[in-house]
Amino acid sequence: MRVAVFGTGTVGETLGRKLIEVGHDVMMGSRSASNEKALAWVKKAGSKASAGTFSDAAKYGQLIVNATLGTATIEVFKAAGADNTAGKPVIDISNPLDFSKGFPPSLFVSNTDSLAEQLQREFPKAHIVKALNTMTAAIMVNPRALSESHHTWICGADAGAKETVRGVLQSFGWKSEEIIDCGDLSASRAIESLLPMWLRLYGALKTPMFNLKIVK
């Protein structure tokens, strides 16, 4: 499958590298086709990697991974173009974090709305699936890095898109029973609201190498 990855930070680079490892072709999108970080990543990632603008990547990808800062997400998708994202599953890893008053950040949307829902309203023909936003990138792509089984969650309106995302997660090593489908995209309000807790735990544990486990 051809995958577009929006975002040249650690999350985008890590997801892009793993997607290539499991057999996909990946184009990293950024504001400029000559983005130095994207081109450096392509050089390391090999022949199945390429780089282009957000629009180039959106046209290329059959699946889109949104690994951008939450504050930039809507503008990035506008640059990508609504026609280029229409009908495609989007793995939305972004978080609505507001660092304007320092650390720890607050959420710039919460409770009665979410960043994922805002993105879906702006681009109604895309199939937004919230996933993987509540852990560090190294665990996203290698859940077996932790000593015990643990959980992740997805939500979205389109059943087919969720199945596509579930398949990608399983190719990363997530077991079927570790992926919890929380329902429609309104569940992203709760999923995104886990980030303040995650950040506090990060500070307390002094490592990002942890995740949550649901016990019943």
Protein backbone atom coordinates (compact mmCIF):
# COMPACT_ATOMS: atom_id res chain seq x y z
CA MET A 1 0.00 0.00 0.00
CA ARG A 2 1.10 3.58 -0.64
CA VAL A 3 1.11 5.64 2.57
CA ALA A 4 1.41 9.38 3.06
CA VAL A 5 2.94 10.53 6.34
CA PHE A 6 2.32 14.15 7.32
CA GLY A 7 4.96 15.42 9.71
CA THR A 8 8.76 15.27 9.83
CA GLY A 9 9.20 14.96 13.59
CA THR A 10 10.06 11.87 15.62
CA VAL A 11 6.56 10.39 15.32
CA GLY A 12 6.39 10.83 11.55
CA GLU A 13 9.89 9.45 11.03
CA THR A 14 9.28 6.46 13.31
CA LEU A 15 5.93 5.57 11.76
CA GLY A 16 7.30 6.02 8.26
CA ARG A 17 10.24 3.75 8.94
CA LYS A 18 8.01 1.04 10.43
CA LEU A 19 5.53 1.24 7.56
CA ILE A 20 8.38 0.61 5.12
CA GLU A 21 9.65 -2.24 7.28
CA VAL A 22 6.28 -4.01 7.07
CA GLY A 23 6.14 -3.61 3.29
CA HIS A 24 4.54 -0.28 2.39
CA ASP A 25 5.78 2.54 0.17
CA VAL A 26 5.87 5.83 2.08
CA MET A 27 5.94 9.48 1.00
CA MET A 28 6.68 11.96 3.76
CA GLY A 29 4.78 15.20 3.29
CA SER A 30 5.87 18.63 4.48
CA ARG A 31 5.38 22.26 3.50
CA SER A 32 8.22 22.13 0.98
CA ALA A 33 9.35 19.35 -1.33
CA SER A 34 12.91 20.32 -0.41
CA ASN A 35 12.38 19.99 3.35
CA GLU A 36 15.78 19.00 4.75
CA LYS A 37 14.45 16.68 7.47
CA ALA A 38 12.21 14.84 5.01
CA LEU A 39 15.02 14.42 2.50
CA ALA A 40 17.40 13.20 5.22
CA TRP A 41 14.79 10.66 6.32
CA VAL A 42 14.37 9.43 2.72
CA LYS A 43 18.12 8.96 2.39
CA LYS A 44 18.14 6.75 5.51
CA ALA A 45 14.87 4.94 4.79
CA GLY A 46 15.80 3.65 1.34
CA SER A 47 14.15 2.98 -2.00
CA LYS A 48 10.59 2.63 -0.70
CA ALA A 49 10.70 6.15 0.76
CA SER A 50 10.08 9.48 -0.94
CA ALA A 51 9.26 13.06 0.00
CA GLY A 52 7.05 15.83 -1.31
CA THR A 53 4.65 18.55 -0.30
CA PHE A 54 1.56 17.78 1.76
CA SER A 55 -0.41 17.90 -1.49
CA ASP A 56 2.01 15.54 -3.25
CA ALA A 57 1.85 13.07 -0.38
CA ALA A 58 -1.94 13.20 -0.10
CA LYS A 59 -2.30 12.48 -3.82
CA TYR A 60 0.16 9.60 -3.52
CA GLY A 61 -1.17 7.89 -0.43
CA GLN A 62 -3.93 5.32 -0.26
CA LEU A 63 -3.68 5.77 3.51
CA ILE A 64 -2.69 8.96 5.32
CA VAL A 65 -0.93 9.18 8.69
CA ASN A 66 -1.31 12.52 10.44
CA ALA A 67 1.71 12.97 12.70
CA THR A 68 1.63 16.78 12.80
CA LEU A 69 1.41 19.07 15.80
CA GLY A 70 -2.21 19.54 16.78
CA THR A 71 -1.96 23.30 16.36
CA ALA A 72 -1.00 22.79 12.71
CA THR A 73 -3.26 19.88 11.78
CA ILE A 74 -6.14 21.73 10.12
CA GLU A 75 -3.82 23.97 8.10
CA VAL A 76 -1.76 20.98 6.99
CA PHE A 77 -4.86 19.25 5.64
CA LYS A 78 -5.92 22.43 3.88
CA ALA A 79 -2.50 22.46 2.21
CA ALA A 80 -2.93 18.80 1.31
CA GLY A 81 -6.25 19.50 -0.37
CA ALA A 82 -9.71 18.12 0.34
CA ASP A 83 -9.89 16.30 -3.00
CA ASN A 84 -6.61 14.52 -2.26
CA THR A 85 -7.81 13.18 1.10
CA ALA A 86 -11.35 12.28 0.07
CA GLY A 87 -12.30 8.64 0.55
CA LYS A 88 -9.02 7.75 2.28
CA PRO A 89 -8.47 6.37 5.78
CA VAL A 90 -6.55 8.83 7.97
CA ILE A 91 -4.72 7.62 11.07
CA ASP A 92 -4.90 10.72 13.25
CA ILE A 93 -2.14 10.68 15.87
CA SER A 94 -2.26 14.43 16.56
CA ASN A 95 -3.11 15.91 19.96
CA PRO A 96 -4.69 19.29 20.80
CA LEU A 97 -1.87 20.45 23.05
CA ASP A 98 -1.48 24.16 23.84
CA PHE A 99 2.01 25.07 25.04
CA SER A 100 1.39 28.83 24.94
CA LYS A 101 1.53 29.07 28.75
CA GLY A 102 4.41 26.66 29.17
CA PHE A 103 4.56 23.13 30.52
CA PRO A 104 2.48 21.16 31.21
CA PRO A 105 0.29 22.09 28.25
CA SER A 106 -3.48 22.37 28.31
CA LEU A 107 -5.91 21.08 25.67
CA PHE A 108 -7.14 23.73 23.24
CA VAL A 109 -10.28 21.69 22.56
CA SER A 110 -11.90 19.23 24.97
CA ASN A 111 -15.05 17.92 26.65
CA THR A 112 -17.68 18.70 24.02
CA ASP A 113 -15.44 18.51 20.94
CA SER A 114 -12.07 17.13 19.83
CA LEU A 115 -9.35 17.84 17.31
CA ALA A 116 -10.26 14.66 15.42
CA GLU A 117 -13.89 15.81 15.12
CA GLN A 118 -12.79 19.25 13.97
CA LEU A 119 -10.65 17.63 11.31
CA GLN A 120 -13.54 15.43 10.20
CA ARG A 121 -15.90 18.41 9.93
CA GLU A 122 -13.39 20.36 7.86
CA PHE A 123 -12.78 17.33 5.59
CA PRO A 124 -16.02 15.34 5.63
CA LYS A 125 -15.00 13.02 2.78
CA ALA A 126 -11.87 11.80 4.57
CA HIS A 127 -12.23 8.84 6.95
CA ILE A 128 -10.64 10.00 10.20
CA VAL A 129 -9.62 7.30 12.69
CA LYS A 130 -8.11 8.37 16.00
CA ALA A 131 -5.31 6.02 16.99
CA LEU A 132 -1.91 5.72 18.70
CA ASN A 133 -1.93 9.23 20.17
CA THR A 134 -1.57 8.17 23.81
CA MET A 135 1.94 6.71 23.84
CA THR A 136 5.48 7.41 22.71
CA ALA A 137 6.40 6.61 19.10
CA ALA A 138 8.70 3.71 19.99
CA ILE A 139 5.76 1.85 21.54
CA MET A 140 3.37 2.74 18.69
CA VAL A 141 5.48 0.68 16.31
CA ASN A 142 6.74 -1.94 18.76
CA PRO A 143 4.20 -2.80 21.47
CA ARG A 144 6.31 -5.78 22.50
CA ALA A 145 8.96 -3.35 23.77
CA LEU A 146 7.11 -3.43 27.10
CA SER A 147 7.25 -6.38 29.46
CA GLU A 148 3.49 -7.09 29.54
CA SER A 149 0.49 -6.96 27.28
CA HIS A 150 -1.16 -3.52 27.18
CA HIS A 151 -3.83 -1.68 25.20
CA THR A 152 -4.48 0.93 22.58
CA TRP A 153 -7.75 2.33 21.25
CA ILE A 154 -9.26 3.49 18.02
CA CYS A 155 -12.42 5.34 17.08
CA GLY A 156 -14.01 6.64 13.90
CA ALA A 157 -17.19 6.76 11.87
CA ASP A 158 -16.21 4.52 8.96
CA ALA A 159 -16.04 0.79 9.72
CA GLY A 160 -13.87 0.02 6.69
CA ALA A 161 -11.34 2.69 7.65
CA LYS A 162 -11.16 1.33 11.18
CA GLU A 163 -10.48 -2.15 9.84
CA THR A 164 -7.68 -0.77 7.67
CA VAL A 165 -6.15 0.95 10.69
CA ARG A 166 -6.58 -2.17 12.82
CA GLY A 167 -4.68 -4.12 10.16
CA VAL A 168 -1.83 -1.59 10.20
CA LEU A 169 -1.62 -1.77 13.99
CA GLN A 170 -1.54 -5.56 13.91
CA SER A 171 1.29 -5.43 11.36
CA PHE A 172 3.19 -3.35 13.96
CA GLY A 173 2.77 -6.16 16.47
CA TRP A 174 -0.41 -5.18 18.30
CA LYS A 175 -2.53 -8.21 19.14
CA SER A 176 -6.19 -8.06 18.09
CA GLU A 177 -7.39 -8.17 21.70
CA GLU A 178 -5.10 -5.25 22.61
CA ILE A 179 -6.88 -2.90 20.18
CA ILE A 180 -10.08 -1.53 21.72
CA ASP A 181 -12.67 0.00 19.36
CA CYS A 182 -14.27 2.82 21.34
CA GLY A 183 -16.94 3.57 18.72
CA ASP A 184 -17.58 6.71 16.71
CA LEU A 185 -15.29 9.72 16.49
CA SER A 186 -16.85 11.45 19.50
CA ALA A 187 -14.81 8.96 21.58
CA SER A 188 -11.74 10.95 20.56
CA ARG A 189 -12.79 13.55 23.17
CA ALA A 190 -11.94 11.03 25.88
CA ILE A 191 -8.93 9.58 24.07
CA GLU A 192 -7.33 13.00 23.52
CA SER A 193 -8.04 13.94 27.14
CA LEU A 194 -5.66 11.19 28.28
CA LEU A 195 -2.69 13.31 27.18
CA PRO A 196 -2.46 15.48 30.32
CA MET A 197 -2.37 12.30 32.40
CA TRP A 198 0.23 10.74 30.09
CA LEU A 199 2.44 13.81 30.46
CA ARG A 200 2.16 13.72 34.25
CA LEU A 201 3.08 10.02 34.27
CA TYR A 202 6.02 10.74 31.99
CA GLY A 203 7.27 13.28 34.50
CA ALA A 204 6.76 10.95 37.45
CA LEU A 205 8.25 7.84 35.83
CA LYS A 206 11.14 9.70 34.12
CA THR A 207 10.65 7.62 30.96
CA PRO A 208 8.18 7.55 28.06
CA MET A 209 8.41 3.76 27.83
CA PHE A 210 5.09 2.89 29.45
CA ASN A 211 1.48 2.39 28.44
CA LEU A 212 -1.92 1.67 29.94
CA LYS A 213 -3.49 -1.74 30.46
CA ILE A 214 -7.23 -2.31 30.91
CA VAL A 215 -8.06 -4.97 33.47
CA LYS A 216 -11.56 -6.35 33.89
